PDB file of N, CA and C in Angstrom:
ATOM      1  N   MET A   1       0.819  -1.194   0.000  1.00  0.00           N
ATOM      2  CA  MET A   1       0.000   0.000   0.000  1.00  0.00           C
ATOM      3  C   MET A   1       0.863   1.258   0.000  1.00  0.00           C
ATOM      4  N   SER A   2       1.972   1.238   0.690  1.00  0.00           N
ATOM      5  CA  SER A   2       2.813   2.433   0.758  1.00  0.00           C
ATOM      6  C   SER A   2       3.492   2.718  -0.581  1.00  0.00           C
ATOM      7  N   ARG A   3       3.740   1.665  -1.379  1.00  0.00           N
ATOM      8  CA  ARG A   3       4.353   1.894  -2.688  1.00  0.00           C
ATOM      9  C   ARG A   3       3.389   2.618  -3.612  1.00  0.00           C
ATOM     10  N   ILE A   4       2.109   2.332  -3.483  1.00  0.00           N
ATOM     11  CA  ILE A   4       1.119   3.003  -4.317  1.00  0.00           C
ATOM     12  C   ILE A   4       1.013   4.466  -3.937  1.00  0.00           C
ATOM     13  N   SER A   5       1.028   4.760  -2.650  1.00  0.00           N
ATOM     14  CA  SER A   5       0.932   6.160  -2.234  1.00  0.00           C
ATOM     15  C   SER A   5       2.200   6.943  -2.581  1.00  0.00           C
ATOM     16  N   SER A   6       3.342   6.269  -2.644  1.00  0.00           N
ATOM     17  CA  SER A   6       4.564   6.977  -3.006  1.00  0.00           C
ATOM     18  C   SER A   6       4.563   7.364  -4.481  1.00  0.00           C
ATOM     19  N   PHE A   7       3.858   6.600  -5.313  1.00  0.00           N
ATOM     20  CA  PHE A   7       3.763   6.954  -6.725  1.00  0.00           C
ATOM     21  C   PHE A   7       2.886   8.177  -6.953  1.00  0.00           C
ATOM     22  N   SER A   8       2.007   8.472  -6.023  1.00  0.00           N
ATOM     23  CA  SER A   8       1.167   9.657  -6.194  1.00  0.00           C
ATOM     24  C   SER A   8       1.963  10.952  -6.023  1.00  0.00           C
ATOM     25  N   HIS A   9       3.106  10.869  -5.349  1.00  0.00           N
ATOM     26  CA  HIS A   9       3.957  12.052  -5.165  1.00  0.00           C
ATOM     27  C   HIS A   9       5.002  12.194  -6.272  1.00  0.00           C
ATOM     28  N   ALA A  10       5.122  11.211  -7.128  1.00  0.00           N
ATOM     29  CA  ALA A  10       6.152  11.229  -8.170  1.00  0.00           C
ATOM     30  C   ALA A  10       6.032  12.437  -9.104  1.00  0.00           C
ATOM     31  N   PRO A  11       4.836  12.812  -9.573  1.00  0.00           N
ATOM     32  CA  PRO A  11       4.775  14.001 -10.444  1.00  0.00           C
ATOM     33  C   PRO A  11       5.221  15.283  -9.739  1.00  0.00           C
ATOM     34  N   LEU A  12       4.898  15.419  -8.451  1.00  0.00           N
ATOM     35  CA  LEU A  12       5.328  16.607  -7.714  1.00  0.00           C
ATOM     36  C   LEU A  12       6.839  16.637  -7.536  1.00  0.00           C
ATOM     37  N   LEU A  13       7.424  15.478  -7.297  1.00  0.00           N
ATOM     38  CA  LEU A  13       8.877  15.420  -7.159  1.00  0.00           C
ATOM     39  C   LEU A  13       9.564  15.750  -8.485  1.00  0.00           C
ATOM     40  N   LEU A  14       8.980  15.300  -9.570  1.00  0.00           N
ATOM     41  CA  LEU A  14       9.545  15.610 -10.875  1.00  0.00           C
ATOM     42  C   LEU A  14       9.440  17.105 -11.182  1.00  0.00           C
ATOM     43  N   VAL A  15       8.314  17.707 -10.848  1.00  0.00           N
ATOM     44  CA  VAL A  15       8.146  19.145 -11.048  1.00  0.00           C
ATOM     45  C   VAL A  15       9.137  19.923 -10.188  1.00  0.00           C
ATOM     46  N   ALA A  16       9.376  19.453  -8.960  1.00  0.00           N
ATOM     47  CA  ALA A  16      10.352  20.109  -8.082  1.00  0.00           C
ATOM     48  C   ALA A  16      11.760  20.013  -8.661  1.00  0.00           C
ATOM     49  N   ARG A  17      12.101  18.879  -9.235  1.00  0.00           N
ATOM     50  CA  ARG A  17      13.421  18.726  -9.864  1.00  0.00           C
ATOM     51  C   ARG A  17      13.556  19.634 -11.090  1.00  0.00           C
ATOM     52  N   ILE A  18      12.516  19.674 -11.898  1.00  0.00           N
ATOM     53  CA  ILE A  18      12.556  20.513 -13.096  1.00  0.00           C
ATOM     54  C   ILE A  18      12.672  21.986 -12.707  1.00  0.00           C
ATOM     55  N   ALA A  19      11.902  22.400 -11.708  1.00  0.00           N
ATOM     56  CA  ALA A  19      11.966  23.793 -11.245  1.00  0.00           C
ATOM     57  C   ALA A  19      13.334  24.110 -10.666  1.00  0.00           C
ATOM     58  N   ALA A  20      13.891  23.173  -9.902  1.00  0.00           N
ATOM     59  CA  ALA A  20      15.224  23.395  -9.341  1.00  0.00           C
ATOM     60  C   ALA A  20      16.261  23.497 -10.448  1.00  0.00           C
ATOM     61  N   ALA A  21      16.140  22.636 -11.446  1.00  0.00           N
ATOM     62  CA  ALA A  21      17.112  22.644 -12.538  1.00  0.00           C
ATOM     63  C   ALA A  21      17.043  23.946 -13.328  1.00  0.00           C
ATOM     64  N   ILE A  22      15.827  24.405 -13.627  1.00  0.00           N
ATOM     65  CA  ILE A  22      15.692  25.598 -14.465  1.00  0.00           C
ATOM     66  C   ILE A  22      15.874  26.877 -13.648  1.00  0.00           C
ATOM     67  N   LEU A  23      15.069  27.041 -12.612  1.00  0.00           N
ATOM     68  CA  LEU A  23      15.110  28.289 -11.841  1.00  0.00           C
ATOM     69  C   LEU A  23      16.363  28.391 -10.976  1.00  0.00           C
ATOM     70  N   GLY A  24      16.676  27.328 -10.256  1.00  0.00           N
ATOM     71  CA  GLY A  24      17.879  27.339  -9.428  1.00  0.00           C
ATOM     72  C   GLY A  24      19.138  27.404 -10.259  1.00  0.00           C
ATOM     73  N   GLY A  25      19.137  26.686 -11.388  1.00  0.00           N
ATOM     74  CA  GLY A  25      20.285  26.742 -12.284  1.00  0.00           C
ATOM     75  C   GLY A  25      20.486  28.130 -12.864  1.00  0.00           C
ATOM     76  N   TYR A  26      19.387  28.795 -13.208  1.00  0.00           N
ATOM     77  CA  TYR A  26      19.473  30.160 -13.729  1.00  0.00           C
ATOM     78  C   TYR A  26      20.027  31.106 -12.663  1.00  0.00           C
ATOM     79  N   ALA A  27      19.521  31.002 -11.437  1.00  0.00           N
ATOM     80  CA  ALA A  27      20.006  31.870 -10.356  1.00  0.00           C
ATOM     81  C   ALA A  27      21.488  31.632 -10.081  1.00  0.00           C
ATOM     82  N   PHE A  28      21.887  30.372 -10.080  1.00  0.00           N
ATOM     83  CA  PHE A  28      23.289  30.058  -9.839  1.00  0.00           C
ATOM     84  C   PHE A  28      24.165  30.574 -10.971  1.00  0.00           C
ATOM     85  N   ALA A  29      23.742  30.358 -12.213  1.00  0.00           N
ATOM     86  CA  ALA A  29      24.529  30.823 -13.360  1.00  0.00           C
ATOM     87  C   ALA A  29      24.604  32.343 -13.391  1.00  0.00           C
ATOM     88  N   TRP A  30      23.511  33.011 -13.038  1.00  0.00           N
ATOM     89  CA  TRP A  30      23.503  34.474 -13.006  1.00  0.00           C
ATOM     90  C   TRP A  30      24.506  34.987 -11.970  1.00  0.00           C
ATOM     91  N   GLY A  31      24.502  34.403 -10.777  1.00  0.00           N
ATOM     92  CA  GLY A  31      25.468  34.788  -9.757  1.00  0.00           C
ATOM     93  C   GLY A  31      26.892  34.467 -10.178  1.00  0.00           C
ATOM     94  N   PHE A  32      27.079  33.329 -10.833  1.00  0.00           N
ATOM     95  CA  PHE A  32      28.399  32.926 -11.314  1.00  0.00           C
ATOM     96  C   PHE A  32      28.930  33.928 -12.333  1.00  0.00           C
ATOM     97  N   ILE A  33      28.076  34.339 -13.254  1.00  0.00           N
ATOM     98  CA  ILE A  33      28.485  35.295 -14.279  1.00  0.00           C
ATOM     99  C   ILE A  33      28.776  36.660 -13.663  1.00  0.00           C
ATOM    100  N   ALA A  34      27.937  37.101 -12.734  1.00  0.00           N
ATOM    101  CA  ALA A  34      28.156  38.400 -12.081  1.00  0.00           C
ATOM    102  C   ALA A  34      29.462  38.409 -11.299  1.00  0.00           C
ATOM    103  N   ALA A  35      29.697  37.354 -10.518  1.00  0.00           N
ATOM    104  CA  ALA A  35      30.932  37.289  -9.741  1.00  0.00           C
ATOM    105  C   ALA A  35      32.145  37.146 -10.651  1.00  0.00           C
ATOM    106  N   GLY A  36      32.040  36.300 -11.663  1.00  0.00           N
ATOM    107  CA  GLY A  36      33.168  36.083 -12.558  1.00  0.00           C
ATOM    108  C   GLY A  36      33.552  37.334 -13.317  1.00  0.00           C
ATOM    109  N   ALA A  37      32.558  38.038 -13.865  1.00  0.00           N
ATOM    110  CA  ALA A  37      32.854  39.247 -14.637  1.00  0.00           C
ATOM    111  C   ALA A  37      33.483  40.327 -13.768  1.00  0.00           C
ATOM    112  N   SER A  38      32.930  40.526 -12.592  1.00  0.00           N
ATOM    113  CA  SER A  38      33.480  41.581 -11.736  1.00  0.00           C
ATOM    114  C   SER A  38      34.858  41.213 -11.194  1.00  0.00           C
ATOM    115  N   LEU A  39      35.074  39.950 -10.866  1.00  0.00           N
ATOM    116  CA  LEU A  39      36.396  39.543 -10.362  1.00  0.00           C
ATOM    117  C   LEU A  39      37.450  39.590 -11.467  1.00  0.00           C
ATOM    118  N   MET A  40      37.091  39.175 -12.673  1.00  0.00           N
ATOM    119  CA  MET A  40      38.060  39.232 -13.773  1.00  0.00           C
ATOM    120  C   MET A  40      38.379  40.676 -14.155  1.00  0.00           C
ATOM    121  N   PHE A  41      37.367  41.545 -14.124  1.00  0.00           N
ATOM    122  CA  PHE A  41      37.614  42.956 -14.413  1.00  0.00           C
ATOM    123  C   PHE A  41      38.487  43.574 -13.330  1.00  0.00           C
ATOM    124  N   ALA A  42      38.247  43.211 -12.079  1.00  0.00           N
ATOM    125  CA  ALA A  42      39.063  43.724 -10.974  1.00  0.00           C
ATOM    126  C   ALA A  42      40.499  43.219 -11.074  1.00  0.00           C
ATOM    127  N   ALA A  43      40.682  42.047 -11.672  1.00  0.00           N
ATOM    128  CA  ALA A  43      42.025  41.491 -11.820  1.00  0.00           C
ATOM    129  C   ALA A  43      42.789  42.110 -12.986  1.00  0.00           C
ATOM    130  N   GLY A  44      42.121  42.966 -13.776  1.00  0.00           N
ATOM    131  CA  GLY A  44      42.823  43.664 -14.838  1.00  0.00           C
ATOM    132  C   GLY A  44      42.398  43.283 -16.249  1.00  0.00           C
ATOM    133  N   MET A  45      41.494  42.356 -16.396  1.00  0.00           N
ATOM    134  CA  MET A  45      41.014  41.991 -17.731  1.00  0.00           C
ATOM    135  C   MET A  45      40.080  43.082 -18.240  1.00  0.00           C
ATOM    136  N   GLY A  46      40.034  43.282 -19.537  1.00  0.00           N
ATOM    137  CA  GLY A  46      39.109  44.250 -20.111  1.00  0.00           C
ATOM    138  C   GLY A  46      37.666  43.869 -19.782  1.00  0.00           C
ATOM    139  N   PHE A  47      36.800  44.891 -19.696  1.00  0.00           N
ATOM    140  CA  PHE A  47      35.424  44.629 -19.262  1.00  0.00           C
ATOM    141  C   PHE A  47      34.699  43.668 -20.199  1.00  0.00           C
ATOM    142  N   HIS A  48      34.771  43.935 -21.494  1.00  0.00           N
ATOM    143  CA  HIS A  48      34.040  43.101 -22.442  1.00  0.00           C
ATOM    144  C   HIS A  48      34.623  41.698 -22.531  1.00  0.00           C
ATOM    145  N   ASP A  49      35.918  41.579 -22.376  1.00  0.00           N
ATOM    146  CA  ASP A  49      36.534  40.253 -22.355  1.00  0.00           C
ATOM    147  C   ASP A  49      36.098  39.475 -21.117  1.00  0.00           C
ATOM    148  N   ALA A  50      36.085  40.156 -19.970  1.00  0.00           N
ATOM    149  CA  ALA A  50      35.657  39.508 -18.729  1.00  0.00           C
ATOM    150  C   ALA A  50      34.186  39.113 -18.796  1.00  0.00           C
ATOM    151  N   GLU A  51      33.380  39.982 -19.368  1.00  0.00           N
ATOM    152  CA  GLU A  51      31.954  39.695 -19.506  1.00  0.00           C
ATOM    153  C   GLU A  51      31.722  38.499 -20.430  1.00  0.00           C
ATOM    154  N   PHE A  52      32.424  38.466 -21.541  1.00  0.00           N
ATOM    155  CA  PHE A  52      32.257  37.381 -22.502  1.00  0.00           C
ATOM    156  C   PHE A  52      32.734  36.054 -21.927  1.00  0.00           C
ATOM    157  N   LEU A  53      33.914  36.048 -21.313  1.00  0.00           N
ATOM    158  CA  LEU A  53      34.451  34.812 -20.750  1.00  0.00           C
ATOM    159  C   LEU A  53      33.577  34.287 -19.614  1.00  0.00           C
ATOM    160  N   SER A  54      33.128  35.170 -18.737  1.00  0.00           N
ATOM    161  CA  SER A  54      32.278  34.702 -17.641  1.00  0.00           C
ATOM    162  C   SER A  54      30.928  34.220 -18.158  1.00  0.00           C
ATOM    163  N   SER A  55      30.427  34.799 -19.239  1.00  0.00           N
ATOM    164  CA  SER A  55      29.175  34.314 -19.829  1.00  0.00           C
ATOM    165  C   SER A  55      29.353  32.925 -20.428  1.00  0.00           C
ATOM    166  N   LEU A  56      30.471  32.704 -21.104  1.00  0.00           N
ATOM    167  CA  LEU A  56      30.741  31.367 -21.641  1.00  0.00           C
ATOM    168  C   LEU A  56      30.854  30.334 -20.526  1.00  0.00           C
ATOM    169  N   LEU A  57      31.578  30.679 -19.470  1.00  0.00           N
ATOM    170  CA  LEU A  57      31.712  29.765 -18.345  1.00  0.00           C
ATOM    171  C   LEU A  57      30.389  29.601 -17.593  1.00  0.00           C
ATOM    172  N   GLY A  58      29.575  30.662 -17.594  1.00  0.00           N
ATOM    173  CA  GLY A  58      28.266  30.590 -16.950  1.00  0.00           C
ATOM    174  C   GLY A  58      27.324  29.615 -17.642  1.00  0.00           C
ATOM    175  N   VAL A  59      27.411  29.524 -18.964  1.00  0.00           N
ATOM    176  CA  VAL A  59      26.605  28.542 -19.694  1.00  0.00           C
ATOM    177  C   VAL A  59      27.023  27.130 -19.306  1.00  0.00           C
ATOM    178  N   LEU A  60      28.320  26.910 -19.169  1.00  0.00           N
ATOM    179  CA  LEU A  60      28.799  25.594 -18.728  1.00  0.00           C
ATOM    180  C   LEU A  60      28.384  25.309 -17.289  1.00  0.00           C
ATOM    181  N   ALA A  61      28.420  26.327 -16.436  1.00  0.00           N
ATOM    182  CA  ALA A  61      27.975  26.152 -15.052  1.00  0.00           C
ATOM    183  C   ALA A  61      26.490  25.820 -15.003  1.00  0.00           C
ATOM    184  N   PHE A  62      25.689  26.497 -15.837  1.00  0.00           N
ATOM    185  CA  PHE A  62      24.260  26.197 -15.890  1.00  0.00           C
ATOM    186  C   PHE A  62      24.027  24.756 -16.318  1.00  0.00           C
ATOM    187  N   LEU A  63      24.748  24.310 -17.333  1.00  0.00           N
ATOM    188  CA  LEU A  63      24.603  22.932 -17.791  1.00  0.00           C
ATOM    189  C   LEU A  63      24.978  21.947 -16.692  1.00  0.00           C
ATOM    190  N   ALA A  64      26.059  22.221 -15.983  1.00  0.00           N
ATOM    191  CA  ALA A  64      26.502  21.325 -14.919  1.00  0.00           C
ATOM    192  C   ALA A  64      25.474  21.239 -13.787  1.00  0.00           C
ATOM    193  N   VAL A  65      24.971  22.376 -13.321  1.00  0.00           N
ATOM    194  CA  VAL A  65      24.008  22.330 -12.220  1.00  0.00           C
ATOM    195  C   VAL A  65      22.649  21.826 -12.690  1.00  0.00           C
ATOM    196  N   PHE A  66      22.303  22.045 -13.961  1.00  0.00           N
ATOM    197  CA  PHE A  66      21.060  21.502 -14.509  1.00  0.00           C
ATOM    198  C   PHE A  66      21.088  19.979 -14.465  1.00  0.00           C
ATOM    199  N   LEU A  67      22.184  19.397 -14.917  1.00  0.00           N
ATOM    200  CA  LEU A  67      22.305  17.938 -14.890  1.00  0.00           C
ATOM    201  C   LEU A  67      22.409  17.416 -13.464  1.00  0.00           C
ATOM    202  N   TRP A  68      23.121  18.140 -12.600  1.00  0.00           N
ATOM    203  CA  TRP A  68      23.259  17.711 -11.211  1.00  0.00           C
ATOM    204  C   TRP A  68      21.916  17.725 -10.485  1.00  0.00           C
ATOM    205  N   ALA A  69      21.031  18.639 -10.860  1.00  0.00           N
ATOM    206  CA  ALA A  69      19.716  18.720 -10.216  1.00  0.00           C
ATOM    207  C   ALA A  69      18.928  17.431 -10.396  1.00  0.00           C
ATOM    208  N   PHE A  70      19.132  16.733 -11.488  1.00  0.00           N
ATOM    209  CA  PHE A  70      18.441  15.471 -11.718  1.00  0.00           C
ATOM    210  C   PHE A  70      19.222  14.278 -11.178  1.00  0.00           C
ATOM    211  N   ALA A  71      20.522  14.425 -11.029  1.00  0.00           N
ATOM    212  CA  ALA A  71      21.348  13.312 -10.564  1.00  0.00           C
ATOM    213  C   ALA A  71      21.440  13.229  -9.046  1.00  0.00           C
ATOM    214  N   ALA A  72      21.186  14.326  -8.358  1.00  0.00           N
ATOM    215  CA  ALA A  72      21.321  14.347  -6.895  1.00  0.00           C
ATOM    216  C   ALA A  72      20.239  13.496  -6.243  1.00  0.00           C
ATOM    217  N   ARG A  73      20.553  12.973  -5.080  1.00  0.00           N
ATOM    218  CA  ARG A  73      19.607  12.104  -4.376  1.00  0.00           C
ATOM    219  C   ARG A  73      18.445  12.871  -3.761  1.00  0.00           C
ATOM    220  N   ARG A  74      18.727  14.047  -3.223  1.00  0.00           N
ATOM    221  CA  ARG A  74      17.691  14.794  -2.502  1.00  0.00           C
ATOM    222  C   ARG A  74      17.470  16.153  -3.159  1.00  0.00           C
ATOM    223  N   ALA A  75      16.206  16.471  -3.411  1.00  0.00           N
ATOM    224  CA  ALA A  75      15.872  17.728  -4.079  1.00  0.00           C
ATOM    225  C   ALA A  75      16.134  18.924  -3.172  1.00  0.00           C
ATOM    226  N   TRP A  76      15.953  18.775  -1.866  1.00  0.00           N
ATOM    227  CA  TRP A  76      16.157  19.909  -0.974  1.00  0.00           C
ATOM    228  C   TRP A  76      17.630  20.319  -0.937  1.00  0.00           C
ATOM    229  N   VAL A  77      18.535  19.368  -1.116  1.00  0.00           N
ATOM    230  CA  VAL A  77      19.961  19.710  -1.174  1.00  0.00           C
ATOM    231  C   VAL A  77      20.240  20.531  -2.428  1.00  0.00           C
ATOM    232  N   VAL A  78      19.624  20.150  -3.531  1.00  0.00           N
ATOM    233  CA  VAL A  78      19.795  20.885  -4.783  1.00  0.00           C
ATOM    234  C   VAL A  78      19.292  22.311  -4.625  1.00  0.00           C
ATOM    235  N   TRP A  79      18.066  22.454  -4.092  1.00  0.00           N
ATOM    236  CA  TRP A  79      17.496  23.789  -3.891  1.00  0.00           C
ATOM    237  C   TRP A  79      18.385  24.629  -2.985  1.00  0.00           C
ATOM    238  N   THR A  80      18.869  24.037  -1.901  1.00  0.00           N
ATOM    239  CA  THR A  80      19.694  24.777  -0.947  1.00  0.00           C
ATOM    240  C   THR A  80      21.008  25.226  -1.577  1.00  0.00           C
ATOM    241  N   VAL A  81      21.694  24.310  -2.233  1.00  0.00           N
ATOM    242  CA  VAL A  81      22.985  24.648  -2.833  1.00  0.00           C
ATOM    243  C   VAL A  81      22.826  25.702  -3.923  1.00  0.00           C
ATOM    244  N   LEU A  82      21.818  25.544  -4.767  1.00  0.00           N
ATOM    245  CA  LEU A  82      21.644  26.493  -5.859  1.00  0.00           C
ATOM    246  C   LEU A  82      21.192  27.865  -5.370  1.00  0.00           C
ATOM    247  N   ALA A  83      20.282  27.897  -4.405  1.00  0.00           N
ATOM    248  CA  ALA A  83      19.802  29.188  -3.898  1.00  0.00           C
ATOM    249  C   ALA A  83      20.888  29.905  -3.101  1.00  0.00           C
ATOM    250  N   VAL A  84      21.520  29.191  -2.180  1.00  0.00           N
ATOM    251  CA  VAL A  84      22.560  29.814  -1.354  1.00  0.00           C
ATOM    252  C   VAL A  84      23.785  30.139  -2.207  1.00  0.00           C
ATOM    253  N   GLY A  85      24.185  29.208  -3.065  1.00  0.00           N
ATOM    254  CA  GLY A  85      25.342  29.442  -3.924  1.00  0.00           C
ATOM    255  C   GLY A  85      25.125  30.607  -4.873  1.00  0.00           C
ATOM    256  N   GLY A  86      23.947  30.657  -5.489  1.00  0.00           N
ATOM    257  CA  GLY A  86      23.635  31.779  -6.375  1.00  0.00           C
ATOM    258  C   GLY A  86      23.593  33.096  -5.638  1.00  0.00           C
ATOM    259  N   GLY A  87      23.038  33.094  -4.437  1.00  0.00           N
ATOM    260  CA  GLY A  87      22.991  34.313  -3.631  1.00  0.00           C
ATOM    261  C   GLY A  87      24.368  34.785  -3.207  1.00  0.00           C
ATOM    262  N   VAL A  88      25.199  33.854  -2.787  1.00  0.00           N
ATOM    263  CA  VAL A  88      26.559  34.211  -2.367  1.00  0.00           C
ATOM    264  C   VAL A  88      27.363  34.737  -3.553  1.00  0.00           C
ATOM    265  N   LEU A  89      27.259  34.071  -4.701  1.00  0.00           N
ATOM    266  CA  LEU A  89      27.990  34.535  -5.887  1.00  0.00           C
ATOM    267  C   LEU A  89      27.505  35.909  -6.347  1.00  0.00           C
ATOM    268  N   ALA A  90      26.199  36.132  -6.313  1.00  0.00           N
ATOM    269  CA  ALA A  90      25.670  37.444  -6.686  1.00  0.00           C
ATOM    270  C   ALA A  90      26.126  38.517  -5.701  1.00  0.00           C
ATOM    271  N   ALA A  91      26.178  38.184  -4.416  1.00  0.00           N
ATOM    272  CA  ALA A  91      26.650  39.138  -3.413  1.00  0.00           C
ATOM    273  C   ALA A  91      28.126  39.464  -3.618  1.00  0.00           C
ATOM    274  N   ILE A  92      28.924  38.457  -3.962  1.00  0.00           N
ATOM    275  CA  ILE A  92      30.339  38.700  -4.240  1.00  0.00           C
ATOM    276  C   ILE A  92      30.493  39.617  -5.446  1.00  0.00           C
ATOM    277  N   GLY A  93      29.741  39.336  -6.498  1.00  0.00           N
ATOM    278  CA  GLY A  93      29.792  40.190  -7.685  1.00  0.00           C
ATOM    279  C   GLY A  93      29.389  41.605  -7.383  1.00  0.00           C
ATOM    280  N   SER A  94      28.338  41.779  -6.586  1.00  0.00           N
ATOM    281  CA  SER A  94      27.869  43.119  -6.233  1.00  0.00           C
ATOM    282  C   SER A  94      28.887  43.843  -5.347  1.00  0.00           C
ATOM    283  N   LEU A  95      29.486  43.126  -4.420  1.00  0.00           N
ATOM    284  CA  LEU A  95      30.475  43.723  -3.530  1.00  0.00           C
ATOM    285  C   LEU A  95      31.711  44.172  -4.312  1.00  0.00           C
ATOM    286  N   VAL A  96      32.208  43.321  -5.181  1.00  0.00           N
ATOM    287  CA  VAL A  96      33.380  43.681  -5.975  1.00  0.00           C
ATOM    288  C   VAL A  96      33.056  44.857  -6.906  1.00  0.00           C
ATOM    289  N   GLN A  97      31.873  44.831  -7.496  1.00  0.00           N
ATOM    290  CA  GLN A  97      31.478  45.903  -8.397  1.00  0.00           C
ATOM    291  C   GLN A  97      31.361  47.234  -7.641  1.00  0.00           C
ATOM    292  N   SER A  98      30.818  47.199  -6.430  1.00  0.00           N
ATOM    293  CA  SER A  98      30.698  48.443  -5.654  1.00  0.00           C
ATOM    294  C   SER A  98      32.066  48.978  -5.250  1.00  0.00           C
ATOM    295  N   ARG A  99      33.039  48.106  -5.059  1.00  0.00           N
ATOM    296  CA  ARG A  99      34.403  48.551  -4.727  1.00  0.00           C
ATOM    297  C   ARG A  99      35.111  49.158  -5.938  1.00  0.00           C
ATOM    298  N   LEU A 100      34.730  48.735  -7.132  1.00  0.00           N
ATOM    299  CA  LEU A 100      35.378  49.238  -8.340  1.00  0.00           C
ATOM    300  C   LEU A 100      34.854  50.600  -8.768  1.00  0.00           C
ATOM    301  N   VAL A 101      33.590  50.869  -8.461  1.00  0.00           N
ATOM    302  CA  VAL A 101      32.957  52.125  -8.939  1.00  0.00           C
ATOM    303  C   VAL A 101      33.184  53.237  -7.976  1.00  0.00           C
TER     304      VAL A 101
END
């Protein structure tokens, strides 16, 4: 009986994984790109070069966390890592950018 009731939650778990992969992955990639661009510019790279390189690496980061969202055992770990990681990276990017201006 418990196996039947566990199948009723399967669509919700799948939706949670998809949302984590898309929304959490986007937030993480956005923070990654913001932090990468500002740190590379602060290190002396040209602005457009830093922006382009961090965007390229951000696409790879999005792909990695998108795939990891489906491979991880627990969805709450995925949500936590992506939300906290994206927030921390965005804060680093904002802090470095405020120091440069």
